[in-house]
Amino acid sequence: MGRAQSRKAPHLAETLNIPDVPTRRIVEGVEHLDLNLETAMDHAPRFALHLVVDDVDESITWYQEGLGAEVTRLLRLPDQSILIADLDVHGLPVAIAAPVLGTTLASPAATGTSVGAYRLTVDDADAAVQRALAAGATLHSAVRDAFWGVRTGEVLDPSGHRWGFDQHLREVAVDEIERNLAGLTGGS
């Protein structure tokens, strides 16, 4: 009797019919290298942020002092000004970059809006907010105990990005969180 063979689910690269070897192509005079998506994902972080900031040099300092970031790479223009700084914020890859003419990318401070809040889990929310403020952030919401079981506070970095600091306090049941949310939104 032969052994039954199990069939593995196809890899994403197979499903999308992505070649295993890089291919080169020229688009509008620029050479592009197309990599195998699965291979690239095996060697890359699963999530990273790319944030547009008003002043890259100032932002590097703020991210180092305010969030404890480490600079991992700097990409410079011919005049030696920094276009992109790659940072490591407690294991999260963050790229900060100046606005690029001809694109719609802009900082929240330049547009007067923020599309989200970036949240970091910390041991001490009060200390994290104070550190960020000391580095030049603006207080967005004071540190408080939240009904979903964290002590939390938010700041705006010098370019207007919202950073939240969450300190776990206790486990809270989903139905309790939902009751509190309903009370906030006028639901029943």
C-alpha atoms as a PDB file:
ATOM      1  CA  MET A   1       0.000   0.000   0.000  1.00  0.00           C
ATOM      2  CA  GLY A   2       1.264   3.430  -0.839  1.00  0.00           C
ATOM      3  CA  ARG A   3       1.316   6.230   1.656  1.00  0.00           C
ATOM      4  CA  ALA A   4      -1.262   8.932   1.235  1.00  0.00           C
ATOM      5  CA  GLN A   5       0.342  12.168   0.219  1.00  0.00           C
ATOM      6  CA  SER A   6      -0.914  15.409   1.634  1.00  0.00           C
ATOM      7  CA  ARG A   7      -1.058  18.368  -0.693  1.00  0.00           C
ATOM      8  CA  LYS A   8       0.072  21.669   0.719  1.00  0.00           C
ATOM      9  CA  ALA A   9      -1.920  24.764  -0.083  1.00  0.00           C
ATOM     10  CA  PRO A  10      -0.260  26.746  -2.867  1.00  0.00           C
ATOM     11  CA  HIS A  11       2.045  29.544  -1.817  1.00  0.00           C
ATOM     12  CA  LEU A  12       0.934  33.088  -2.517  1.00  0.00           C
ATOM     13  CA  ALA A  13       3.577  33.365  -5.228  1.00  0.00           C
ATOM     14  CA  GLU A  14       2.124  30.314  -6.997  1.00  0.00           C
ATOM     15  CA  THR A  15      -1.432  31.586  -6.634  1.00  0.00           C
ATOM     16  CA  LEU A  16      -0.472  34.938  -8.136  1.00  0.00           C
ATOM     17  CA  ASN A  17       1.833  33.268 -10.705  1.00  0.00           C
ATOM     18  CA  ILE A  18       4.858  35.278  -9.569  1.00  0.00           C
ATOM     19  CA  PRO A  19       8.168  33.999 -10.982  1.00  0.00           C
ATOM     20  CA  ASP A  20      10.827  32.697  -8.608  1.00  0.00           C
ATOM     21  CA  VAL A  21      13.634  34.662 -10.210  1.00  0.00           C
ATOM     22  CA  PRO A  22      13.827  38.436 -10.377  1.00  0.00           C
ATOM     23  CA  THR A  23      12.941  39.992 -13.708  1.00  0.00           C
ATOM     24  CA  ARG A  24      14.094  43.352 -14.947  1.00  0.00           C
ATOM     25  CA  ARG A  25      11.926  45.787 -16.843  1.00  0.00           C
ATOM     26  CA  ILE A  26      12.249  49.391 -17.958  1.00  0.00           C
ATOM     27  CA  VAL A  27       9.363  51.786 -17.289  1.00  0.00           C
ATOM     28  CA  GLU A  28       9.718  55.367 -18.491  1.00  0.00           C
ATOM     29  CA  GLY A  29      13.499  55.011 -18.540  1.00  0.00           C
ATOM     30  CA  VAL A  30      13.743  53.636 -14.970  1.00  0.00           C
ATOM     31  CA  GLU A  31      14.929  50.079 -14.378  1.00  0.00           C
ATOM     32  CA  HIS A  32      12.712  48.048 -12.032  1.00  0.00           C
ATOM     33  CA  LEU A  33      13.556  44.733 -10.415  1.00  0.00           C
ATOM     34  CA  ASP A  34      10.539  42.476  -9.842  1.00  0.00           C
ATOM     35  CA  LEU A  35      11.194  40.056  -7.005  1.00  0.00           C
ATOM     36  CA  ASN A  36       9.398  36.923  -5.953  1.00  0.00           C
ATOM     37  CA  LEU A  37       6.811  38.220  -3.473  1.00  0.00           C
ATOM     38  CA  GLU A  38       7.055  35.231  -1.150  1.00  0.00           C
ATOM     39  CA  THR A  39      10.856  35.396  -0.988  1.00  0.00           C
ATOM     40  CA  ALA A  40      10.755  39.134  -0.349  1.00  0.00           C
ATOM     41  CA  MET A  41       8.163  38.701   2.408  1.00  0.00           C
ATOM     42  CA  ASP A  42      10.239  35.985   4.100  1.00  0.00           C
ATOM     43  CA  HIS A  43      13.053  38.518   4.575  1.00  0.00           C
ATOM     44  CA  ALA A  44      11.057  41.664   5.279  1.00  0.00           C
ATOM     45  CA  PRO A  45       9.111  42.887   8.296  1.00  0.00           C
ATOM     46  CA  ARG A  46       5.421  42.159   8.087  1.00  0.00           C
ATOM     47  CA  PHE A  47       4.482  45.792   8.719  1.00  0.00           C
ATOM     48  CA  ALA A  48       6.280  49.113   8.459  1.00  0.00           C
ATOM     49  CA  LEU A  49       5.306  52.780   8.489  1.00  0.00           C
ATOM     50  CA  HIS A  50       6.352  55.398   5.958  1.00  0.00           C
ATOM     51  CA  LEU A  51       5.543  58.843   7.322  1.00  0.00           C
ATOM     52  CA  VAL A  52       5.897  62.194   5.606  1.00  0.00           C
ATOM     53  CA  VAL A  53       7.381  64.807   7.929  1.00  0.00           C
ATOM     54  CA  ASP A  54       7.962  68.533   7.580  1.00  0.00           C
ATOM     55  CA  ASP A  55      11.636  68.468   8.567  1.00  0.00           C
ATOM     56  CA  VAL A  56      13.547  65.178   8.372  1.00  0.00           C
ATOM     57  CA  ASP A  57      16.491  66.304  10.533  1.00  0.00           C
ATOM     58  CA  GLU A  58      14.205  67.656  13.274  1.00  0.00           C
ATOM     59  CA  SER A  59      12.067  64.534  13.082  1.00  0.00           C
ATOM     60  CA  ILE A  60      15.054  62.197  13.453  1.00  0.00           C
ATOM     61  CA  THR A  61      15.924  63.963  16.693  1.00  0.00           C
ATOM     62  CA  TRP A  62      12.326  63.833  17.928  1.00  0.00           C
ATOM     63  CA  TYR A  63      11.899  60.118  17.128  1.00  0.00           C
ATOM     64  CA  GLN A  64      15.185  59.321  18.882  1.00  0.00           C
ATOM     65  CA  GLU A  65      14.439  61.406  21.975  1.00  0.00           C
ATOM     66  CA  GLY A  66      10.656  61.025  22.064  1.00  0.00           C
ATOM     67  CA  LEU A  67      10.239  57.369  21.096  1.00  0.00           C
ATOM     68  CA  GLY A  68      13.693  55.875  21.618  1.00  0.00           C
ATOM     69  CA  ALA A  69      14.148  55.216  17.884  1.00  0.00           C
ATOM     70  CA  GLU A  70      17.422  54.083  16.361  1.00  0.00           C
ATOM     71  CA  VAL A  71      18.512  55.270  12.918  1.00  0.00           C
ATOM     72  CA  THR A  72      19.165  52.277  10.646  1.00  0.00           C
ATOM     73  CA  ARG A  73      19.795  54.058   7.322  1.00  0.00           C
ATOM     74  CA  LEU A  74      19.908  57.558   5.831  1.00  0.00           C
ATOM     75  CA  LEU A  75      19.266  58.267   2.147  1.00  0.00           C
ATOM     76  CA  ARG A  76      20.715  61.582   1.008  1.00  0.00           C
ATOM     77  CA  LEU A  77      20.238  63.819  -1.984  1.00  0.00           C
ATOM     78  CA  PRO A  78      23.286  65.119  -3.930  1.00  0.00           C
ATOM     79  CA  ASP A  79      23.332  68.241  -1.707  1.00  0.00           C
ATOM     80  CA  GLN A  80      23.686  65.847   1.301  1.00  0.00           C
ATOM     81  CA  SER A  81      20.259  66.738   2.710  1.00  0.00           C
ATOM     82  CA  ILE A  82      18.403  63.708   4.052  1.00  0.00           C
ATOM     83  CA  LEU A  83      15.445  62.612   1.932  1.00  0.00           C
ATOM     84  CA  ILE A  84      14.545  59.450   3.880  1.00  0.00           C
ATOM     85  CA  ALA A  85      15.563  58.186   7.305  1.00  0.00           C
ATOM     86  CA  ASP A  86      14.888  54.561   8.175  1.00  0.00           C
ATOM     87  CA  LEU A  87      14.326  54.071  11.874  1.00  0.00           C
ATOM     88  CA  ASP A  88      13.681  51.213  14.246  1.00  0.00           C
ATOM     89  CA  VAL A  89      11.078  52.124  16.876  1.00  0.00           C
ATOM     90  CA  HIS A  90      11.135  49.204  19.320  1.00  0.00           C
ATOM     91  CA  GLY A  91      11.166  46.670  16.475  1.00  0.00           C
ATOM     92  CA  LEU A  92       8.796  48.577  14.175  1.00  0.00           C
ATOM     93  CA  PRO A  93      10.451  49.800  10.968  1.00  0.00           C
ATOM     94  CA  VAL A  94       9.545  53.450  10.390  1.00  0.00           C
ATOM     95  CA  ALA A  95      10.674  55.489   7.397  1.00  0.00           C
ATOM     96  CA  ILE A  96      10.361  59.246   7.659  1.00  0.00           C
ATOM     97  CA  ALA A  97      10.622  61.319   4.536  1.00  0.00           C
ATOM     98  CA  ALA A  98      10.301  64.862   3.316  1.00  0.00           C
ATOM     99  CA  PRO A  99       7.369  65.695   1.034  1.00  0.00           C
ATOM    100  CA  VAL A 100       8.219  65.073  -2.615  1.00  0.00           C
ATOM    101  CA  LEU A 101       7.170  67.659  -5.175  1.00  0.00           C
ATOM    102  CA  GLY A 102       4.632  66.341  -7.635  1.00  0.00           C
ATOM    103  CA  THR A 103       3.056  63.878  -5.198  1.00  0.00           C
ATOM    104  CA  THR A 104       0.076  64.171  -2.892  1.00  0.00           C
ATOM    105  CA  LEU A 105       2.053  63.035   0.152  1.00  0.00           C
ATOM    106  CA  ALA A 106       2.095  65.611   2.932  1.00  0.00           C
ATOM    107  CA  SER A 107       2.434  65.717   6.695  1.00  0.00           C
ATOM    108  CA  PRO A 108      -0.644  66.004   8.931  1.00  0.00           C
ATOM    109  CA  ALA A 109       0.580  69.443  10.069  1.00  0.00           C
ATOM    110  CA  ALA A 110       0.637  70.630   6.437  1.00  0.00           C
ATOM    111  CA  THR A 111      -2.857  69.286   5.695  1.00  0.00           C
ATOM    112  CA  GLY A 112      -4.482  70.023   9.052  1.00  0.00           C
ATOM    113  CA  THR A 113      -5.656  66.428   9.426  1.00  0.00           C
ATOM    114  CA  SER A 114      -4.417  63.086  10.692  1.00  0.00           C
ATOM    115  CA  VAL A 115      -5.535  59.778   9.212  1.00  0.00           C
ATOM    116  CA  GLY A 116      -4.832  57.691  12.285  1.00  0.00           C
ATOM    117  CA  ALA A 117      -3.035  57.230  15.551  1.00  0.00           C
ATOM    118  CA  TYR A 118      -0.003  54.998  15.875  1.00  0.00           C
ATOM    119  CA  ARG A 119      -0.147  53.111  19.151  1.00  0.00           C
ATOM    120  CA  LEU A 120       2.785  51.714  21.131  1.00  0.00           C
ATOM    121  CA  THR A 121       2.386  49.326  24.050  1.00  0.00           C
ATOM    122  CA  VAL A 122       4.555  50.578  26.922  1.00  0.00           C
ATOM    123  CA  ASP A 123       5.263  49.688  30.536  1.00  0.00           C
ATOM    124  CA  ASP A 124       4.497  53.223  31.798  1.00  0.00           C
ATOM    125  CA  ALA A 125       2.150  55.444  29.786  1.00  0.00           C
ATOM    126  CA  ASP A 126       2.781  58.499  31.972  1.00  0.00           C
ATOM    127  CA  ALA A 127       6.564  58.268  31.500  1.00  0.00           C
ATOM    128  CA  ALA A 128       6.217  57.652  27.735  1.00  0.00           C
ATOM    129  CA  VAL A 129       4.015  60.713  27.261  1.00  0.00           C
ATOM    130  CA  GLN A 130       6.347  62.855  29.383  1.00  0.00           C
ATOM    131  CA  ARG A 131       9.359  61.678  27.355  1.00  0.00           C
ATOM    132  CA  ALA A 132       7.606  62.578  24.081  1.00  0.00           C
ATOM    133  CA  LEU A 133       6.567  65.991  25.429  1.00  0.00           C
ATOM    134  CA  ALA A 134      10.103  66.702  26.653  1.00  0.00           C
ATOM    135  CA  ALA A 135      11.354  65.973  23.125  1.00  0.00           C
ATOM    136  CA  GLY A 136       8.968  68.545  21.629  1.00  0.00           C
ATOM    137  CA  ALA A 137       5.640  66.779  21.101  1.00  0.00           C
ATOM    138  CA  THR A 138       2.287  68.464  21.748  1.00  0.00           C
ATOM    139  CA  LEU A 139      -0.219  66.843  24.106  1.00  0.00           C
ATOM    140  CA  HIS A 140      -3.246  65.512  22.196  1.00  0.00           C
ATOM    141  CA  SER A 141      -5.034  63.671  25.031  1.00  0.00           C
ATOM    142  CA  ALA A 142      -3.937  63.487  28.634  1.00  0.00           C
ATOM    143  CA  VAL A 143      -3.008  60.137  30.166  1.00  0.00           C
ATOM    144  CA  ARG A 144      -6.037  58.444  31.687  1.00  0.00           C
ATOM    145  CA  ASP A 145      -7.347  55.003  32.601  1.00  0.00           C
ATOM    146  CA  ALA A 146      -9.557  53.851  29.726  1.00  0.00           C
ATOM    147  CA  PHE A 147     -12.552  51.540  30.025  1.00  0.00           C
ATOM    148  CA  TRP A 148     -10.972  49.005  27.644  1.00  0.00           C
ATOM    149  CA  GLY A 149      -8.287  48.157  30.207  1.00  0.00           C
ATOM    150  CA  VAL A 150      -5.321  50.404  29.435  1.00  0.00           C
ATOM    151  CA  ARG A 151      -3.794  53.573  30.771  1.00  0.00           C
ATOM    152  CA  THR A 152      -3.386  55.691  27.658  1.00  0.00           C
ATOM    153  CA  GLY A 153      -2.361  59.107  26.401  1.00  0.00           C
ATOM    154  CA  GLU A 154      -1.621  60.640  22.991  1.00  0.00           C
ATOM    155  CA  VAL A 155       0.790  63.224  21.607  1.00  0.00           C
ATOM    156  CA  LEU A 156       1.344  64.880  18.243  1.00  0.00           C
ATOM    157  CA  ASP A 157       4.890  64.728  16.921  1.00  0.00           C
ATOM    158  CA  PRO A 158       6.368  67.907  15.349  1.00  0.00           C
ATOM    159  CA  SER A 159       4.833  66.993  11.959  1.00  0.00           C
ATOM    160  CA  GLY A 160       1.399  66.290  13.447  1.00  0.00           C
ATOM    161  CA  HIS A 161       1.420  62.467  13.511  1.00  0.00           C
ATOM    162  CA  ARG A 162      -0.588  61.082  16.456  1.00  0.00           C
ATOM    163  CA  TRP A 163       1.254  58.682  18.739  1.00  0.00           C
ATOM    164  CA  GLY A 164      -0.573  56.830  21.509  1.00  0.00           C
ATOM    165  CA  PHE A 165       1.011  55.068  24.456  1.00  0.00           C
ATOM    166  CA  ASP A 166      -0.962  52.174  25.966  1.00  0.00           C
ATOM    167  CA  GLN A 167      -0.098  50.574  29.306  1.00  0.00           C
ATOM    168  CA  HIS A 168      -2.014  47.356  29.956  1.00  0.00           C
ATOM    169  CA  LEU A 169      -3.928  47.467  33.241  1.00  0.00           C
ATOM    170  CA  ARG A 170      -6.477  44.649  33.109  1.00  0.00           C
ATOM    171  CA  GLU A 171      -8.371  42.296  30.851  1.00  0.00           C
ATOM    172  CA  VAL A 172     -11.850  43.571  29.960  1.00  0.00           C
ATOM    173  CA  ALA A 173     -14.647  41.447  28.504  1.00  0.00           C
ATOM    174  CA  VAL A 174     -15.844  42.414  25.020  1.00  0.00           C
ATOM    175  CA  ASP A 175     -19.445  42.897  26.239  1.00  0.00           C
ATOM    176  CA  GLU A 176     -18.242  45.403  28.864  1.00  0.00           C
ATOM    177  CA  ILE A 177     -16.290  47.349  26.234  1.00  0.00           C
ATOM    178  CA  GLU A 178     -19.319  47.316  23.916  1.00  0.00           C
ATOM    179  CA  ARG A 179     -21.616  48.633  26.704  1.00  0.00           C
ATOM    180  CA  ASN A 180     -19.190  51.487  27.342  1.00  0.00           C
ATOM    181  CA  LEU A 181     -18.936  52.256  23.622  1.00  0.00           C
ATOM    182  CA  ALA A 182     -22.728  52.294  23.309  1.00  0.00           C
ATOM    183  CA  GLY A 183     -22.875  54.772  26.170  1.00  0.00           C
ATOM    184  CA  LEU A 184     -20.369  57.044  24.404  1.00  0.00           C
ATOM    185  CA  THR A 185     -22.149  56.922  21.065  1.00  0.00           C
ATOM    186  CA  GLY A 186     -25.701  57.189  22.384  1.00  0.00           C
ATOM    187  CA  GLY A 187     -26.476  53.585  21.398  1.00  0.00           C
ATOM    188  CA  SER A 188     -28.531  51.322  23.598  1.00  0.00           C
END
